[in-house]
Protein backbone atom coordinates (compact mmCIF):
# COMPACT_ATOMS: atom_id res chain seq x y z
CA MET A 1 81.10 54.11 -55.55
CA GLU A 2 83.70 51.50 -56.58
CA ALA A 3 83.86 50.16 -53.00
CA PHE A 4 80.06 49.86 -52.84
CA ILE A 5 79.91 47.99 -56.16
CA HIS A 6 82.75 45.67 -55.15
CA ASN A 7 81.20 44.87 -51.75
CA PHE A 8 77.84 44.18 -53.37
CA LEU A 9 79.29 41.89 -56.06
CA ILE A 10 81.62 39.91 -53.80
CA ASN A 11 78.65 38.65 -51.75
CA LEU A 12 76.71 37.37 -54.77
CA PRO A 13 76.55 33.65 -55.61
CA THR A 14 78.61 32.71 -58.66
CA ILE A 15 75.56 32.13 -60.89
CA LEU A 16 74.25 35.64 -60.12
CA LEU A 17 77.74 37.05 -60.69
CA ILE A 18 77.73 35.50 -64.18
CA LEU A 19 74.30 36.99 -64.90
CA VAL A 20 75.52 40.43 -63.76
CA GLY A 21 78.53 40.10 -66.09
CA VAL A 22 76.35 39.14 -69.06
CA PHE A 23 73.94 42.01 -68.37
CA SER A 24 76.86 44.46 -68.03
CA LEU A 25 78.22 43.36 -71.40
CA PHE A 26 74.77 43.92 -72.94
CA THR A 27 74.36 47.43 -71.48
CA LEU A 28 77.96 48.26 -72.39
CA SER A 29 77.29 47.33 -76.01
CA LYS A 30 73.98 49.22 -76.13
CA GLY A 31 75.54 52.29 -74.52
CA ALA A 32 78.32 52.30 -77.10
CA ASP A 33 75.74 51.95 -79.91
CA ILE A 34 73.78 54.95 -78.59
CA LEU A 35 76.97 56.98 -78.08
CA VAL A 36 78.34 56.37 -81.59
CA ASN A 37 74.98 56.88 -83.32
CA GLN A 38 74.34 60.19 -81.56
CA ALA A 39 77.91 61.39 -82.11
CA VAL A 40 77.59 60.72 -85.86
CA SER A 41 74.14 62.36 -85.89
CA LEU A 42 75.52 65.50 -84.25
CA SER A 43 78.42 65.49 -86.72
CA ILE A 44 75.95 65.54 -89.61
CA ARG A 45 73.58 68.00 -87.95
CA TRP A 46 76.30 70.54 -87.14
CA GLY A 47 78.39 69.95 -90.25
CA VAL A 48 81.41 69.07 -88.09
CA PRO A 49 83.91 66.30 -89.00
CA LYS A 50 83.46 63.13 -86.96
CA ILE A 51 87.07 63.25 -85.82
CA ILE A 52 86.43 66.61 -84.09
CA ILE A 53 83.30 65.27 -82.37
CA GLY A 54 85.38 62.29 -81.24
CA ALA A 55 88.26 64.48 -80.02
CA THR A 56 86.02 66.76 -77.94
CA ILE A 57 82.56 65.63 -76.83
CA VAL A 58 83.15 61.86 -76.94
CA SER A 59 86.65 61.97 -75.44
CA LEU A 60 85.53 64.32 -72.65
CA GLY A 61 82.84 61.81 -71.73
CA THR A 62 85.01 58.70 -71.87
CA THR A 63 87.89 60.39 -69.99
CA LEU A 64 85.74 61.37 -67.01
CA PRO A 65 86.46 58.07 -65.14
CA GLU A 66 90.24 58.65 -65.34
CA ALA A 67 89.81 62.27 -64.22
CA SER A 68 87.65 61.41 -61.21
CA VAL A 69 89.91 58.52 -60.14
CA SER A 70 93.09 60.62 -60.46
CA VAL A 71 91.74 63.67 -58.62
CA LEU A 72 90.42 61.51 -55.76
CA ALA A 73 93.72 59.59 -55.63
CA ALA A 74 95.70 62.84 -55.38
CA VAL A 75 93.39 64.27 -52.69
CA ASN A 76 93.61 61.01 -50.71
CA GLY A 77 97.42 61.04 -50.73
CA ASN A 78 98.13 58.69 -53.65
CA PRO A 79 99.60 61.04 -56.28
CA ASP A 80 101.63 58.26 -57.97
CA LEU A 81 98.36 56.43 -58.66
CA ALA A 82 96.92 59.60 -60.21
CA LEU A 83 99.89 60.05 -62.55
CA GLY A 84 100.15 56.34 -63.33
CA ASN A 85 96.47 56.25 -64.26
CA ALA A 86 96.92 59.06 -66.79
CA VAL A 87 100.17 57.82 -68.36
CA GLY A 88 98.94 54.22 -68.44
CA SER A 89 95.72 55.33 -70.14
CA ILE A 90 97.65 57.19 -72.86
CA ILE A 91 99.73 54.06 -73.53
CA ALA A 92 96.64 51.82 -73.54
CA ASP A 93 94.58 54.19 -75.69
CA THR A 94 97.22 54.64 -78.39
CA GLY A 95 98.75 51.16 -78.27
CA LEU A 96 96.03 48.73 -77.28
CA ILE A 97 92.91 50.42 -78.63
CA ILE A 98 94.17 51.76 -81.96
CA GLY A 99 96.04 48.48 -82.45
CA LEU A 100 92.91 46.38 -81.88
CA ALA A 101 90.68 48.73 -83.87
CA SER A 102 93.00 48.51 -86.89
CA LEU A 103 92.59 44.73 -86.87
CA LEU A 104 88.80 44.96 -86.77
CA GLY A 105 88.19 47.48 -89.56
CA HIS A 106 89.28 50.50 -91.55
CA LEU A 107 90.79 53.48 -89.68
CA PRO A 108 90.80 56.38 -92.17
CA LEU A 109 92.59 59.63 -91.37
CA ASP A 110 91.52 63.16 -92.19
CA LYS A 111 95.06 64.33 -92.92
CA GLY A 112 94.52 68.01 -92.14
CA THR A 113 92.60 67.53 -88.89
CA VAL A 114 94.69 64.60 -87.66
CA ASP A 115 97.87 66.57 -88.33
CA LYS A 116 96.65 69.50 -86.23
CA GLN A 117 95.12 67.45 -83.41
CA GLY A 118 97.94 64.87 -83.56
CA ARG A 119 100.54 67.60 -83.13
CA ILE A 120 98.80 68.71 -79.92
CA GLN A 121 98.61 65.06 -78.80
CA TYR A 122 102.36 64.53 -79.24
CA LEU A 123 103.33 67.91 -77.76
CA ALA A 124 101.10 67.24 -74.73
CA GLY A 125 103.03 64.02 -74.07
CA ILE A 126 106.38 65.83 -74.38
CA LEU A 127 105.12 68.63 -72.10
CA LEU A 128 104.12 66.09 -69.46
CA VAL A 129 107.60 64.55 -69.48
CA LEU A 130 109.33 67.95 -69.37
CA VAL A 131 107.40 69.21 -66.32
CA SER A 132 108.12 65.88 -64.60
CA LEU A 133 111.92 66.14 -64.86
CA PRO A 134 113.69 66.11 -61.48
CA PHE A 135 115.80 69.24 -62.12
CA LEU A 136 112.59 71.31 -62.01
CA SER A 137 111.89 70.10 -58.45
CA ALA A 138 113.57 70.73 -55.14
CA GLY A 139 113.99 67.04 -54.25
CA PRO A 140 115.60 64.05 -55.99
CA GLU A 141 112.31 63.01 -57.63
CA GLY A 142 110.22 64.89 -60.13
CA ASN A 143 107.15 66.80 -59.02
CA ILE A 144 104.27 68.22 -61.03
CA SER A 145 103.37 71.22 -58.88
CA GLN A 146 99.94 72.64 -58.16
CA ALA A 147 100.83 75.69 -60.27
CA VAL A 148 101.64 73.45 -63.23
CA GLY A 149 98.31 71.67 -62.71
CA ILE A 150 96.48 75.00 -62.92
CA ILE A 151 98.43 75.90 -66.09
CA PHE A 152 97.38 72.54 -67.60
CA LEU A 153 93.71 73.34 -66.86
CA VAL A 154 94.11 76.73 -68.55
CA LEU A 155 95.67 74.98 -71.55
CA LEU A 156 92.68 72.61 -71.51
CA ALA A 157 90.34 75.59 -71.93
CA PHE A 158 92.46 76.83 -74.85
CA TYR A 159 92.41 73.34 -76.40
CA ILE A 160 88.61 73.17 -76.25
CA TYR A 161 88.38 76.68 -77.74
CA TYR A 162 90.84 75.71 -80.50
CA SER A 163 88.87 72.55 -81.29
CA ILE A 164 85.63 74.51 -81.60
CA LYS A 165 87.35 77.03 -83.86
CA LEU A 166 88.85 74.20 -85.94
CA ALA A 167 85.42 72.59 -86.25
CA LYS A 168 83.99 75.81 -87.72
CA GLU A 169 86.83 76.09 -90.22
CA THR A 170 86.90 72.44 -91.33
CA PRO A 171 84.24 71.23 -93.79
CA ALA A 172 82.51 68.06 -92.71
CA GLU A 173 83.13 64.91 -94.71
CA ASP A 174 80.35 63.66 -96.94
CA VAL A 175 78.27 61.25 -94.89
CA SER A 176 75.29 59.32 -96.16
CA LEU A 177 72.18 59.30 -94.01
CA ASP A 178 72.29 55.52 -94.46
CA ASP A 179 75.19 55.55 -91.96
CA ILE A 180 72.78 56.25 -89.10
CA PRO A 181 69.37 54.82 -88.23
CA GLU A 182 67.45 58.03 -89.00
CA ASN A 183 67.77 61.59 -90.19
CA PRO A 184 69.34 63.66 -87.38
CA GLU A 185 66.92 66.50 -88.10
CA ASP A 186 64.00 64.25 -87.10
CA LYS A 187 64.94 64.54 -83.41
CA PRO A 188 65.13 67.70 -81.29
CA LEU A 189 68.71 68.72 -80.50
CA ILE A 190 68.11 68.50 -76.74
CA LEU A 191 66.96 64.88 -77.14
CA GLN A 192 70.09 64.01 -79.14
CA LEU A 193 72.32 65.56 -76.48
CA ASN A 194 70.48 63.69 -73.71
CA LEU A 195 70.86 60.42 -75.63
CA LEU A 196 74.59 61.13 -76.05
CA ILE A 197 74.91 61.66 -72.29
CA LEU A 198 72.91 58.46 -71.71
CA GLY A 199 75.24 56.52 -73.98
CA ILE A 200 78.34 57.84 -72.18
CA ALA A 201 76.78 57.07 -68.78
CA LEU A 202 75.87 53.51 -69.81
CA VAL A 203 79.39 52.86 -71.10
CA ILE A 204 81.06 54.20 -67.94
CA LEU A 205 78.69 52.58 -65.42
CA SER A 206 78.69 49.24 -67.25
CA SER A 207 82.51 49.29 -67.28
CA LYS A 208 82.62 49.98 -63.53
CA ILE A 209 80.37 46.96 -62.90
CA LEU A 210 81.87 44.59 -65.48
CA ILE A 211 85.53 44.85 -64.45
CA PRO A 212 85.08 43.98 -60.72
CA THR A 213 82.59 41.26 -61.75
CA VAL A 214 85.20 39.59 -63.95
CA GLU A 215 87.92 40.19 -61.35
CA ILE A 216 85.91 38.51 -58.58
CA GLY A 217 84.94 35.65 -60.90
CA ALA A 218 88.56 35.13 -61.94
CA THR A 219 89.63 35.00 -58.28
CA ARG A 220 86.99 32.38 -57.53
CA VAL A 221 88.25 30.06 -60.26
CA GLY A 222 91.84 30.37 -58.99
CA ILE A 223 93.48 32.88 -61.34
CA PRO A 224 96.37 34.59 -59.46
CA GLN A 225 95.93 38.18 -58.32
CA SER A 226 99.12 39.21 -60.15
CA ILE A 227 97.66 38.06 -63.46
CA ILE A 228 94.38 39.84 -62.72
CA ALA A 229 96.21 43.09 -61.91
CA ALA A 230 98.36 42.90 -65.03
CA THR A 231 95.39 42.34 -67.34
CA LEU A 232 91.89 43.13 -66.08
CA VAL A 233 92.67 46.14 -63.87
CA ALA A 234 95.02 47.77 -66.38
CA PHE A 235 92.58 47.01 -69.18
CA GLY A 236 89.55 48.28 -67.26
CA THR A 237 90.55 51.96 -67.04
CA SER A 238 90.50 52.26 -70.85
CA LEU A 239 87.40 50.12 -71.42
CA PRO A 240 85.07 53.06 -72.29
CA GLU A 241 87.45 54.25 -75.03
CA LEU A 242 87.96 50.66 -76.25
CA ILE A 243 84.27 49.81 -76.56
CA THR A 244 83.52 53.18 -78.19
CA ALA A 245 86.36 52.72 -80.70
CA VAL A 246 85.39 49.13 -81.56
CA THR A 247 81.74 50.10 -82.00
CA ALA A 248 82.67 53.09 -84.17
CA VAL A 249 84.90 50.95 -86.41
CA ARG A 250 82.27 48.21 -86.64
CA LYS A 251 79.73 50.81 -87.81
CA GLY A 252 82.18 52.23 -90.38
CA HIS A 253 83.07 55.40 -88.46
CA GLY A 254 86.80 54.90 -87.95
CA GLU A 255 87.38 58.68 -87.91
CA LEU A 256 85.31 58.90 -84.72
CA ALA A 257 87.50 56.21 -83.11
CA ILE A 258 90.72 58.02 -84.07
CA GLY A 259 89.34 61.35 -82.84
CA ASN A 260 88.29 59.80 -79.53
CA ILE A 261 91.79 58.40 -78.89
CA ILE A 262 93.62 61.60 -79.89
CA GLY A 263 91.32 63.68 -77.71
CA ALA A 264 91.55 61.23 -74.81
CA ASP A 265 95.37 61.37 -74.88
CA ILE A 266 95.32 65.17 -74.80
CA LEU A 267 92.75 65.21 -72.00
CA ASN A 268 94.72 62.65 -69.98
CA VAL A 269 97.53 65.22 -69.81
CA LEU A 270 95.63 68.49 -69.50
CA PHE A 271 92.45 67.32 -67.75
CA VAL A 272 93.47 64.25 -65.72
CA VAL A 273 97.02 65.23 -64.69
CA GLY A 274 96.11 68.91 -64.54
CA GLY A 275 93.07 68.33 -62.35
CA ALA A 276 94.92 65.93 -60.03
CA ALA A 277 97.93 68.27 -59.62
CA ALA A 278 95.73 71.33 -59.10
CA ALA A 279 93.73 69.50 -56.40
CA THR A 280 96.69 69.00 -54.05
CA SER A 281 99.08 71.59 -52.63
CA GLY A 282 102.00 69.15 -52.74
CA GLY A 283 101.60 68.39 -56.43
CA LEU A 284 102.16 64.97 -58.01
CA VAL A 285 105.39 63.18 -57.12
CA VAL A 286 106.89 61.37 -60.12
CA PRO A 287 108.36 57.96 -59.13
CA SER A 288 111.82 57.22 -60.52
CA SER A 289 110.45 54.12 -62.32
CA PHE A 290 108.49 56.40 -64.66
CA TYR A 291 111.73 57.58 -66.27
CA LYS A 292 112.75 53.97 -66.98
CA LEU A 293 109.58 52.60 -68.58
CA GLN A 294 106.36 54.65 -68.46
CA PHE A 295 107.57 57.88 -70.04
CA PRO A 296 109.81 56.26 -72.70
CA THR A 297 106.99 53.88 -73.72
CA MET A 298 104.47 56.72 -73.87
CA LEU A 299 106.73 58.84 -76.08
CA ILE A 300 107.63 55.93 -78.39
CA ILE A 301 103.97 54.99 -78.91
CA LEU A 302 102.91 58.61 -79.45
CA PHE A 303 105.80 59.14 -81.90
CA ALA A 304 104.91 55.93 -83.78
CA PHE A 305 101.27 56.99 -84.10
CA ARG A 306 102.35 60.47 -85.21
CA TYR A 307 104.67 58.95 -87.84
CA PHE A 308 102.01 56.52 -89.12
CA SER A 309 99.35 59.25 -89.34
CA LYS A 310 101.64 61.55 -91.38
CA LYS A 311 102.82 58.75 -93.68
CA SER A 312 99.50 57.56 -95.11
CA SER A 313 95.76 58.19 -95.20
CA ASP A 314 94.89 55.44 -92.71
CA ILE A 315 96.25 53.22 -89.96
CA ASN A 316 96.78 49.83 -91.58
CA ARG A 317 96.98 46.43 -89.89
CA LYS A 318 100.79 46.26 -89.85
CA GLU A 319 100.96 49.62 -88.09
CA GLY A 320 98.22 48.54 -85.70
CA ILE A 321 100.09 45.34 -84.89
CA PHE A 322 103.21 47.38 -84.11
CA LEU A 323 101.26 49.62 -81.70
CA LEU A 324 99.58 46.59 -80.11
CA GLY A 325 102.95 44.84 -79.79
CA MET A 326 104.41 47.87 -78.00
CA TYR A 327 101.56 47.73 -75.51
CA VAL A 328 102.06 44.00 -74.86
CA ILE A 329 105.81 44.53 -74.30
CA TYR A 330 105.01 47.39 -71.92
CA ILE A 331 102.67 45.20 -69.87
CA VAL A 332 105.23 42.37 -69.70
CA LEU A 333 108.05 44.73 -68.66
CA ASN A 334 105.86 46.27 -65.96
CA TYR A 335 105.78 42.93 -64.15
CA THR A 336 109.21 41.54 -64.95
CA TRP A 337 111.61 44.50 -65.12
CA ILE A 338 110.48 47.26 -62.76
């Protein structure tokens, strides 16, 4: 699909390319609006905290691009791309997106739920590093075996079960019906679910069109490929989570944004890495560079978020700037150190 979109866009005149980019931005924004509104409506309808909706339904939807890319990369003989996509997305989600969202609005934390989900988020990151250590593999490099991938998928099923159980045990926060355009009971449940799927689809498809559009446009005006790779391509894989988080914060639903990022980080380990490793008999080879930069950065950012979330009832701007700064340093080091 990506190749078809790229080949179609690269043959367009520049003026049409600009119009495609503008239209993609419009549909991306509308998709995010639909996604957030329906997620909040379902939260009210089911009496489930928004953070749980964000950590399960929304994050499953926005993580699908990473999962599909990683599984296909592993099957096509590019396991390092599969692993890099997952680890890079965790770093971008927790550093870039939470950092930016904290600068745009309030990011409140449901202490009890964030503590439970955040613990899984941090432990998932540690688990990923542990199974990647070279001493667990026969060769000099680390290897996430097919068996480990299957175990991750089993753990994914347990995580979804645990989240559903947690949702039943956790009382929903008080939410005014003024927070959404209409009473959720006015629409049939099946219609709300279909609108949620539509919102997720619009966000993902618009992202897949917007990023190559901007990339081709940047190339035409003479921006170097190295700069494009370091910014647009790395940024593009986390665009669905970013737009969803920004829209949620703008609408006053910061809990949904936090839940989406926590859930996406967990799914990047259990769903994306697990699915990619399970899909190939040789497993995922872990490049030595991951032990120098990717894994340490991932653990530092996850630890910082865990510390901030336990310390106070929200993520403030100073904490967001720290997370955002870590992401910027990570990007710079990727292209100057390794």
